[in-house]
Amino acid sequence: MPKRILQGVVVSDKNVKTVVVKVERRFTHPVMGKTVRRSKKYHAHDENKEFKVGDVVRIQECRPLSRLKSWEVIGRVGAQERGTGA
């Protein structure tokens, strides 16, 4: 069975060798007919700590690496605008 690949935005890089990736999916509501956005966060393995908050990355399913981690980052797609906070 092929491994799933998802695309999302890194929302946290504070953990050791781990990034948290927020993946958003869009679908049409079955009754209302309008487009609905749902998001989910995945913990993904980042061996070299090369991905930072705001990077758009692709993650791939892998064997369980810890209680929460069963995904690994396979590459960067791009980077979103990082806010300065001011």
PDB file of N, CA and C in Angstrom:
ATOM      1  N   MET A   1       0.847  -1.177   0.000  1.00  0.00           N
ATOM      2  CA  MET A   1       0.000   0.000   0.000  1.00  0.00           C
ATOM      3  C   MET A   1       0.896   1.244   0.000  1.00  0.00           C
ATOM      4  N   PRO A   2       0.597   2.226  -0.857  1.00  0.00           N
ATOM      5  CA  PRO A   2       1.438   3.417  -0.918  1.00  0.00           C
ATOM      6  C   PRO A   2       1.301   4.273   0.339  1.00  0.00           C
ATOM      7  N   LYS A   3       2.371   5.001   0.636  1.00  0.00           N
ATOM      8  CA  LYS A   3       2.360   5.868   1.799  1.00  0.00           C
ATOM      9  C   LYS A   3       1.669   7.174   1.447  1.00  0.00           C
ATOM     10  N   ARG A   4       0.876   7.681   2.392  1.00  0.00           N
ATOM     11  CA  ARG A   4       0.175   8.937   2.159  1.00  0.00           C
ATOM     12  C   ARG A   4       1.153  10.098   2.224  1.00  0.00           C
ATOM     13  N   ILE A   5       0.932  11.111   1.392  1.00  0.00           N
ATOM     14  CA  ILE A   5       1.731  12.336   1.406  1.00  0.00           C
ATOM     15  C   ILE A   5       0.764  13.503   1.567  1.00  0.00           C
ATOM     16  N   LEU A   6       1.044  14.368   2.555  1.00  0.00           N
ATOM     17  CA  LEU A   6       0.223  15.533   2.822  1.00  0.00           C
ATOM     18  C   LEU A   6       1.080  16.784   2.760  1.00  0.00           C
ATOM     19  N   GLN A   7       0.429  17.929   2.563  1.00  0.00           N
ATOM     20  CA  GLN A   7       1.135  19.207   2.512  1.00  0.00           C
ATOM     21  C   GLN A   7       0.544  20.132   3.558  1.00  0.00           C
ATOM     22  N   GLY A   8       1.415  20.822   4.295  1.00  0.00           N
ATOM     23  CA  GLY A   8       0.930  21.713   5.337  1.00  0.00           C
ATOM     24  C   GLY A   8       1.980  22.725   5.742  1.00  0.00           C
ATOM     25  N   VAL A   9       1.641  23.513   6.770  1.00  0.00           N
ATOM     26  CA  VAL A   9       2.496  24.593   7.248  1.00  0.00           C
ATOM     27  C   VAL A   9       3.052  24.215   8.613  1.00  0.00           C
ATOM     28  N   VAL A  10       4.352  24.441   8.811  1.00  0.00           N
ATOM     29  CA  VAL A  10       4.978  24.182  10.103  1.00  0.00           C
ATOM     30  C   VAL A  10       4.494  25.244  11.094  1.00  0.00           C
ATOM     31  N   VAL A  11       3.895  24.802  12.207  1.00  0.00           N
ATOM     32  CA  VAL A  11       3.395  25.740  13.212  1.00  0.00           C
ATOM     33  C   VAL A  11       4.242  25.726  14.480  1.00  0.00           C
ATOM     34  N   SER A  12       5.103  24.708  14.658  1.00  0.00           N
ATOM     35  CA  SER A  12       5.977  24.663  15.820  1.00  0.00           C
ATOM     36  C   SER A  12       7.236  23.867  15.484  1.00  0.00           C
ATOM     37  N   ASP A  13       8.384  24.390  15.950  1.00  0.00           N
ATOM     38  CA  ASP A  13       9.651  23.670  15.769  1.00  0.00           C
ATOM     39  C   ASP A  13      10.435  23.617  17.074  1.00  0.00           C
ATOM     40  N   LYS A  14       9.743  23.677  18.199  1.00  0.00           N
ATOM     41  CA  LYS A  14      10.393  23.740  19.507  1.00  0.00           C
ATOM     42  C   LYS A  14      10.871  22.387  20.012  1.00  0.00           C
ATOM     43  N   ASN A  15      10.313  21.306  19.503  1.00  0.00           N
ATOM     44  CA  ASN A  15      10.705  19.975  19.959  1.00  0.00           C
ATOM     45  C   ASN A  15      12.004  19.525  19.298  1.00  0.00           C
ATOM     46  N   VAL A  16      12.685  18.579  19.922  1.00  0.00           N
ATOM     47  CA  VAL A  16      13.932  18.045  19.388  1.00  0.00           C
ATOM     48  C   VAL A  16      13.609  17.080  18.249  1.00  0.00           C
ATOM     49  N   LYS A  17      14.119  17.366  17.055  1.00  0.00           N
ATOM     50  CA  LYS A  17      13.942  16.539  15.852  1.00  0.00           C
ATOM     51  C   LYS A  17      12.483  16.337  15.470  1.00  0.00           C
ATOM     52  N   THR A  18      11.611  17.270  15.882  1.00  0.00           N
ATOM     53  CA  THR A  18      10.185  17.155  15.572  1.00  0.00           C
ATOM     54  C   THR A  18       9.627  18.515  15.180  1.00  0.00           C
ATOM     55  N   VAL A  19       8.780  18.539  14.164  1.00  0.00           N
ATOM     56  CA  VAL A  19       8.022  19.737  13.833  1.00  0.00           C
ATOM     57  C   VAL A  19       6.539  19.378  13.852  1.00  0.00           C
ATOM     58  N   VAL A  20       5.715  20.369  14.168  1.00  0.00           N
ATOM     59  CA  VAL A  20       4.275  20.175  14.143  1.00  0.00           C
ATOM     60  C   VAL A  20       3.764  20.838  12.868  1.00  0.00           C
ATOM     61  N   VAL A  21       3.068  20.071  12.052  1.00  0.00           N
ATOM     62  CA  VAL A  21       2.598  20.537  10.749  1.00  0.00           C
ATOM     63  C   VAL A  21       1.080  20.589  10.756  1.00  0.00           C
ATOM     64  N   LYS A  22       0.529  21.740  10.374  1.00  0.00           N
ATOM     65  CA  LYS A  22      -0.920  21.916  10.295  1.00  0.00           C
ATOM     66  C   LYS A  22      -1.353  21.680   8.850  1.00  0.00           C
ATOM     67  N   VAL A  23      -2.187  20.662   8.650  1.00  0.00           N
ATOM     68  CA  VAL A  23      -2.674  20.301   7.322  1.00  0.00           C
ATOM     69  C   VAL A  23      -4.140  20.689   7.239  1.00  0.00           C
ATOM     70  N   GLU A  24      -4.484  21.445   6.211  1.00  0.00           N
ATOM     71  CA  GLU A  24      -5.864  21.908   6.034  1.00  0.00           C
ATOM     72  C   GLU A  24      -6.494  21.192   4.851  1.00  0.00           C
ATOM     73  N   ARG A  25      -7.723  20.736   5.048  1.00  0.00           N
ATOM     74  CA  ARG A  25      -8.448  20.109   3.942  1.00  0.00           C
ATOM     75  C   ARG A  25      -9.743  20.869   3.721  1.00  0.00           C
ATOM     76  N   ARG A  26     -10.184  20.907   2.489  1.00  0.00           N
ATOM     77  CA  ARG A  26     -11.424  21.596   2.123  1.00  0.00           C
ATOM     78  C   ARG A  26     -12.358  20.594   1.473  1.00  0.00           C
ATOM     79  N   PHE A  27     -13.639  20.716   1.833  1.00  0.00           N
ATOM     80  CA  PHE A  27     -14.629  19.835   1.228  1.00  0.00           C
ATOM     81  C   PHE A  27     -15.961  20.559   1.216  1.00  0.00           C
ATOM     82  N   THR A  28     -16.858  20.067   0.413  1.00  0.00           N
ATOM     83  CA  THR A  28     -18.203  20.634   0.334  1.00  0.00           C
ATOM     84  C   THR A  28     -19.087  19.954   1.360  1.00  0.00           C
ATOM     85  N   HIS A  29     -19.783  20.747   2.152  1.00  0.00           N
ATOM     86  CA  HIS A  29     -20.671  20.204   3.177  1.00  0.00           C
ATOM     87  C   HIS A  29     -21.789  19.416   2.502  1.00  0.00           C
ATOM     88  N   PRO A  30     -22.080  18.206   2.985  1.00  0.00           N
ATOM     89  CA  PRO A  30     -23.052  17.361   2.284  1.00  0.00           C
ATOM     90  C   PRO A  30     -24.477  17.920   2.262  1.00  0.00           C
ATOM     91  N   VAL A  31     -24.875  18.697   3.282  1.00  0.00           N
ATOM     92  CA  VAL A  31     -26.237  19.224   3.325  1.00  0.00           C
ATOM     93  C   VAL A  31     -26.289  20.678   2.881  1.00  0.00           C
ATOM     94  N   MET A  32     -25.420  21.499   3.462  1.00  0.00           N
ATOM     95  CA  MET A  32     -25.459  22.933   3.191  1.00  0.00           C
ATOM     96  C   MET A  32     -24.874  23.305   1.835  1.00  0.00           C
ATOM     97  N   GLY A  33     -23.952  22.492   1.339  1.00  0.00           N
ATOM     98  CA  GLY A  33     -23.392  22.738   0.013  1.00  0.00           C
ATOM     99  C   GLY A  33     -22.280  23.770  -0.016  1.00  0.00           C
ATOM    100  N   LYS A  34     -21.938  24.364   1.131  1.00  0.00           N
ATOM    101  CA  LYS A  34     -20.872  25.363   1.119  1.00  0.00           C
ATOM    102  C   LYS A  34     -19.527  24.705   1.429  1.00  0.00           C
ATOM    103  N   THR A  35     -18.453  25.361   1.059  1.00  0.00           N
ATOM    104  CA  THR A  35     -17.119  24.836   1.275  1.00  0.00           C
ATOM    105  C   THR A  35     -16.722  25.012   2.732  1.00  0.00           C
ATOM    106  N   VAL A  36     -16.218  23.932   3.340  1.00  0.00           N
ATOM    107  CA  VAL A  36     -15.833  23.928   4.747  1.00  0.00           C
ATOM    108  C   VAL A  36     -14.339  23.638   4.827  1.00  0.00           C
ATOM    109  N   ARG A  37     -13.640  24.348   5.747  1.00  0.00           N
ATOM    110  CA  ARG A  37     -12.217  24.109   5.962  1.00  0.00           C
ATOM    111  C   ARG A  37     -12.035  23.412   7.305  1.00  0.00           C
ATOM    112  N   ARG A  38     -11.279  22.328   7.305  1.00  0.00           N
ATOM    113  CA  ARG A  38     -10.959  21.614   8.530  1.00  0.00           C
ATOM    114  C   ARG A  38      -9.447  21.436   8.554  1.00  0.00           C
ATOM    115  N   SER A  39      -8.854  21.543   9.733  1.00  0.00           N
ATOM    116  CA  SER A  39      -7.414  21.367   9.831  1.00  0.00           C
ATOM    117  C   SER A  39      -7.075  20.382  10.932  1.00  0.00           C
ATOM    118  N   LYS A  40      -5.903  19.788  10.809  1.00  0.00           N
ATOM    119  CA  LYS A  40      -5.421  18.824  11.781  1.00  0.00           C
ATOM    120  C   LYS A  40      -3.912  18.992  11.891  1.00  0.00           C
ATOM    121  N   LYS A  41      -3.380  18.778  13.087  1.00  0.00           N
ATOM    122  CA  LYS A  41      -1.942  18.916  13.306  1.00  0.00           C
ATOM    123  C   LYS A  41      -1.290  17.536  13.394  1.00  0.00           C
ATOM    124  N   TYR A  42      -0.154  17.403  12.727  1.00  0.00           N
ATOM    125  CA  TYR A  42       0.605  16.162  12.738  1.00  0.00           C
ATOM    126  C   TYR A  42       2.005  16.446  13.263  1.00  0.00           C
ATOM    127  N   HIS A  43       2.526  15.547  14.099  1.00  0.00           N
ATOM    128  CA  HIS A  43       3.918  15.623  14.535  1.00  0.00           C
ATOM    129  C   HIS A  43       4.750  14.853  13.509  1.00  0.00           C
ATOM    130  N   ALA A  44       5.768  15.515  12.961  1.00  0.00           N
ATOM    131  CA  ALA A  44       6.579  14.899  11.918  1.00  0.00           C
ATOM    132  C   ALA A  44       8.053  14.949  12.283  1.00  0.00           C
ATOM    133  N   HIS A  45       8.788  13.923  11.869  1.00  0.00           N
ATOM    134  CA  HIS A  45      10.208  13.800  12.187  1.00  0.00           C
ATOM    135  C   HIS A  45      11.037  14.703  11.280  1.00  0.00           C
ATOM    136  N   ASP A  46      11.926  15.499  11.897  1.00  0.00           N
ATOM    137  CA  ASP A  46      12.820  16.409  11.182  1.00  0.00           C
ATOM    138  C   ASP A  46      14.221  16.174  11.742  1.00  0.00           C
ATOM    139  N   GLU A  47      14.954  15.276  11.130  1.00  0.00           N
ATOM    140  CA  GLU A  47      16.241  14.812  11.678  1.00  0.00           C
ATOM    141  C   GLU A  47      17.248  15.935  11.897  1.00  0.00           C
ATOM    142  N   ASN A  48      17.363  16.864  10.941  1.00  0.00           N
ATOM    143  CA  ASN A  48      18.424  17.870  10.990  1.00  0.00           C
ATOM    144  C   ASN A  48      17.961  19.247  11.461  1.00  0.00           C
ATOM    145  N   LYS A  49      16.755  19.355  11.963  1.00  0.00           N
ATOM    146  CA  LYS A  49      16.202  20.638  12.427  1.00  0.00           C
ATOM    147  C   LYS A  49      16.333  21.722  11.355  1.00  0.00           C
ATOM    148  N   GLU A  50      15.963  21.397  10.107  1.00  0.00           N
ATOM    149  CA  GLU A  50      16.142  22.344   9.014  1.00  0.00           C
ATOM    150  C   GLU A  50      14.874  23.127   8.670  1.00  0.00           C
ATOM    151  N   PHE A  51      13.724  22.758   9.234  1.00  0.00           N
ATOM    152  CA  PHE A  51      12.474  23.428   8.891  1.00  0.00           C
ATOM    153  C   PHE A  51      12.037  24.334  10.031  1.00  0.00           C
ATOM    154  N   LYS A  52      11.597  25.535   9.675  1.00  0.00           N
ATOM    155  CA  LYS A  52      11.231  26.552  10.663  1.00  0.00           C
ATOM    156  C   LYS A  52       9.739  26.861  10.559  1.00  0.00           C
ATOM    157  N   VAL A  53       9.222  27.584  11.541  1.00  0.00           N
ATOM    158  CA  VAL A  53       7.813  27.974  11.563  1.00  0.00           C
ATOM    159  C   VAL A  53       7.499  28.797  10.318  1.00  0.00           C
ATOM    160  N   GLY A  54       6.402  28.466   9.651  1.00  0.00           N
ATOM    161  CA  GLY A  54       5.979  29.185   8.450  1.00  0.00           C
ATOM    162  C   GLY A  54       6.343  28.495   7.155  1.00  0.00           C
ATOM    163  N   ASP A  55       7.238  27.509   7.207  1.00  0.00           N
ATOM    164  CA  ASP A  55       7.607  26.781   5.993  1.00  0.00           C
ATOM    165  C   ASP A  55       6.457  25.878   5.552  1.00  0.00           C
ATOM    166  N   VAL A  56       6.226  25.819   4.256  1.00  0.00           N
ATOM    167  CA  VAL A  56       5.244  24.895   3.698  1.00  0.00           C
ATOM    168  C   VAL A  56       6.006  23.628   3.321  1.00  0.00           C
ATOM    169  N   VAL A  57       5.617  22.503   3.914  1.00  0.00           N
ATOM    170  CA  VAL A  57       6.363  21.254   3.744  1.00  0.00           C
ATOM    171  C   VAL A  57       5.435  20.119   3.326  1.00  0.00           C
ATOM    172  N   ARG A  58       6.051  19.059   2.829  1.00  0.00           N
ATOM    173  CA  ARG A  58       5.334  17.817   2.524  1.00  0.00           C
ATOM    174  C   ARG A  58       5.756  16.794   3.559  1.00  0.00           C
ATOM    175  N   ILE A  59       4.778  16.043   4.071  1.00  0.00           N
ATOM    176  CA  ILE A  59       5.074  14.992   5.039  1.00  0.00           C
ATOM    177  C   ILE A  59       4.583  13.659   4.495  1.00  0.00           C
ATOM    178  N   GLN A  60       5.277  12.602   4.894  1.00  0.00           N
ATOM    179  CA  GLN A  60       4.963  11.264   4.403  1.00  0.00           C
ATOM    180  C   GLN A  60       4.799  10.321   5.579  1.00  0.00           C
ATOM    181  N   GLU A  61       3.867   9.408   5.451  1.00  0.00           N
ATOM    182  CA  GLU A  61       3.633   8.397   6.471  1.00  0.00           C
ATOM    183  C   GLU A  61       4.874   7.527   6.648  1.00  0.00           C
ATOM    184  N   CYS A  62       5.149   7.118   7.877  1.00  0.00           N
ATOM    185  CA  CYS A  62       6.262   6.208   8.139  1.00  0.00           C
ATOM    186  C   CYS A  62       5.894   5.335   9.336  1.00  0.00           C
ATOM    187  N   ARG A  63       6.816   4.485   9.734  1.00  0.00           N
ATOM    188  CA  ARG A  63       6.558   3.647  10.905  1.00  0.00           C
ATOM    189  C   ARG A  63       6.477   4.541  12.142  1.00  0.00           C
ATOM    190  N   PRO A  64       5.804   4.100  13.201  1.00  0.00           N
ATOM    191  CA  PRO A  64       5.730   4.921  14.412  1.00  0.00           C
ATOM    192  C   PRO A  64       7.123   5.147  15.012  1.00  0.00           C
ATOM    193  N   LEU A  65       7.472   6.411  15.211  1.00  0.00           N
ATOM    194  CA  LEU A  65       8.763   6.768  15.785  1.00  0.00           C
ATOM    195  C   LEU A  65       8.645   7.098  17.270  1.00  0.00           C
ATOM    196  N   SER A  66       7.457   7.457  17.702  1.00  0.00           N
ATOM    197  CA  SER A  66       7.185   7.716  19.118  1.00  0.00           C
ATOM    198  C   SER A  66       5.667   7.635  19.294  1.00  0.00           C
ATOM    199  N   ARG A  67       5.190   8.046  20.463  1.00  0.00           N
ATOM    200  CA  ARG A  67       3.752   7.948  20.734  1.00  0.00           C
ATOM    201  C   ARG A  67       2.942   8.810  19.768  1.00  0.00           C
ATOM    202  N   LEU A  68       3.464   9.980  19.403  1.00  0.00           N
ATOM    203  CA  LEU A  68       2.728  10.899  18.535  1.00  0.00           C
ATOM    204  C   LEU A  68       3.248  10.928  17.097  1.00  0.00           C
ATOM    205  N   LYS A  69       4.503  10.556  16.896  1.00  0.00           N
ATOM    206  CA  LYS A  69       5.121  10.715  15.576  1.00  0.00           C
ATOM    207  C   LYS A  69       5.014   9.459  14.724  1.00  0.00           C
ATOM    208  N   SER A  70       4.321   9.580  13.603  1.00  0.00           N
ATOM    209  CA  SER A  70       4.336   8.517  12.601  1.00  0.00           C
ATOM    210  C   SER A  70       4.370   9.125  11.196  1.00  0.00           C
ATOM    211  N   TRP A  71       4.925  10.336  11.105  1.00  0.00           N
ATOM    212  CA  TRP A  71       5.107  11.040   9.841  1.00  0.00           C
ATOM    213  C   TRP A  71       6.534  11.566   9.801  1.00  0.00           C
ATOM    214  N   GLU A  72       7.063  11.758   8.575  1.00  0.00           N
ATOM    215  CA  GLU A  72       8.378  12.355   8.419  1.00  0.00           C
ATOM    216  C   GLU A  72       8.314  13.426   7.337  1.00  0.00           C
ATOM    217  N   VAL A  73       9.111  14.475   7.504  1.00  0.00           N
ATOM    218  CA  VAL A  73       9.141  15.560   6.528  1.00  0.00           C
ATOM    219  C   VAL A  73      10.002  15.114   5.358  1.00  0.00           C
ATOM    220  N   ILE A  74       9.466  15.258   4.133  1.00  0.00           N
ATOM    221  CA  ILE A  74      10.237  14.836   2.965  1.00  0.00           C
ATOM    222  C   ILE A  74      10.769  16.018   2.167  1.00  0.00           C
ATOM    223  N   GLY A  75      10.293  17.236   2.454  1.00  0.00           N
ATOM    224  CA  GLY A  75      10.851  18.381   1.732  1.00  0.00           C
ATOM    225  C   GLY A  75      10.030  19.635   1.899  1.00  0.00           C
ATOM    226  N   ARG A  76      10.649  20.734   1.521  1.00  0.00           N
ATOM    227  CA  ARG A  76      10.020  22.054   1.600  1.00  0.00           C
ATOM    228  C   ARG A  76       9.361  22.369   0.266  1.00  0.00           C
ATOM    229  N   VAL A  77       8.176  22.949   0.332  1.00  0.00           N
ATOM    230  CA  VAL A  77       7.479  23.375  -0.877  1.00  0.00           C
ATOM    231  C   VAL A  77       7.719  24.856  -1.088  1.00  0.00           C
ATOM    232  N   GLY A  78       7.636  25.638  -0.023  1.00  0.00           N
ATOM    233  CA  GLY A  78       7.843  27.080  -0.085  1.00  0.00           C
ATOM    234  C   GLY A  78       7.763  27.640   1.315  1.00  0.00           C
ATOM    235  N   ALA A  79       7.739  28.959   1.429  1.00  0.00           N
ATOM    236  CA  ALA A  79       7.621  29.587   2.742  1.00  0.00           C
ATOM    237  C   ALA A  79       6.559  30.667   2.678  1.00  0.00           C
ATOM    238  N   GLN A  80       5.702  30.713   3.698  1.00  0.00           N
ATOM    239  CA  GLN A  80       4.692  31.762   3.764  1.00  0.00           C
ATOM    240  C   GLN A  80       5.319  32.987   4.390  1.00  0.00           C
ATOM    241  N   GLU A  81       4.592  34.122   4.316  1.00  0.00           N
ATOM    242  CA  GLU A  81       5.069  35.343   4.943  1.00  0.00           C
ATOM    243  C   GLU A  81       5.134  35.163   6.441  1.00  0.00           C
ATOM    244  N   ARG A  82       6.281  35.460   7.017  1.00  0.00           N
ATOM    245  CA  ARG A  82       6.426  35.367   8.472  1.00  0.00           C
ATOM    246  C   ARG A  82       6.142  36.725   9.066  1.00  0.00           C
ATOM    247  N   GLY A  83       5.194  36.758  10.004  1.00  0.00           N
ATOM    248  CA  GLY A  83       4.835  38.025  10.636  1.00  0.00           C
ATOM    249  C   GLY A  83       5.931  38.504  11.580  1.00  0.00           C
ATOM    250  N   THR A  84       6.089  39.845  11.678  1.00  0.00           N
ATOM    251  CA  THR A  84       7.103  40.401  12.561  1.00  0.00           C
ATOM    252  C   THR A  84       6.559  40.592  13.959  1.00  0.00           C
ATOM    253  N   GLY A  85       5.227  40.535  14.120  1.00  0.00           N
ATOM    254  CA  GLY A  85       4.625  40.670  15.428  1.00  0.00           C
ATOM    255  C   GLY A  85       4.420  42.104  15.854  1.00  0.00           C
ATOM    256  N   ALA A  86       4.824  43.081  15.029  1.00  0.00           N
ATOM    257  CA  ALA A  86       4.671  44.488  15.385  1.00  0.00           C
ATOM    258  C   ALA A  86       3.628  45.158  14.542  1.00  0.00           C
TER     259      ALA A  86
END
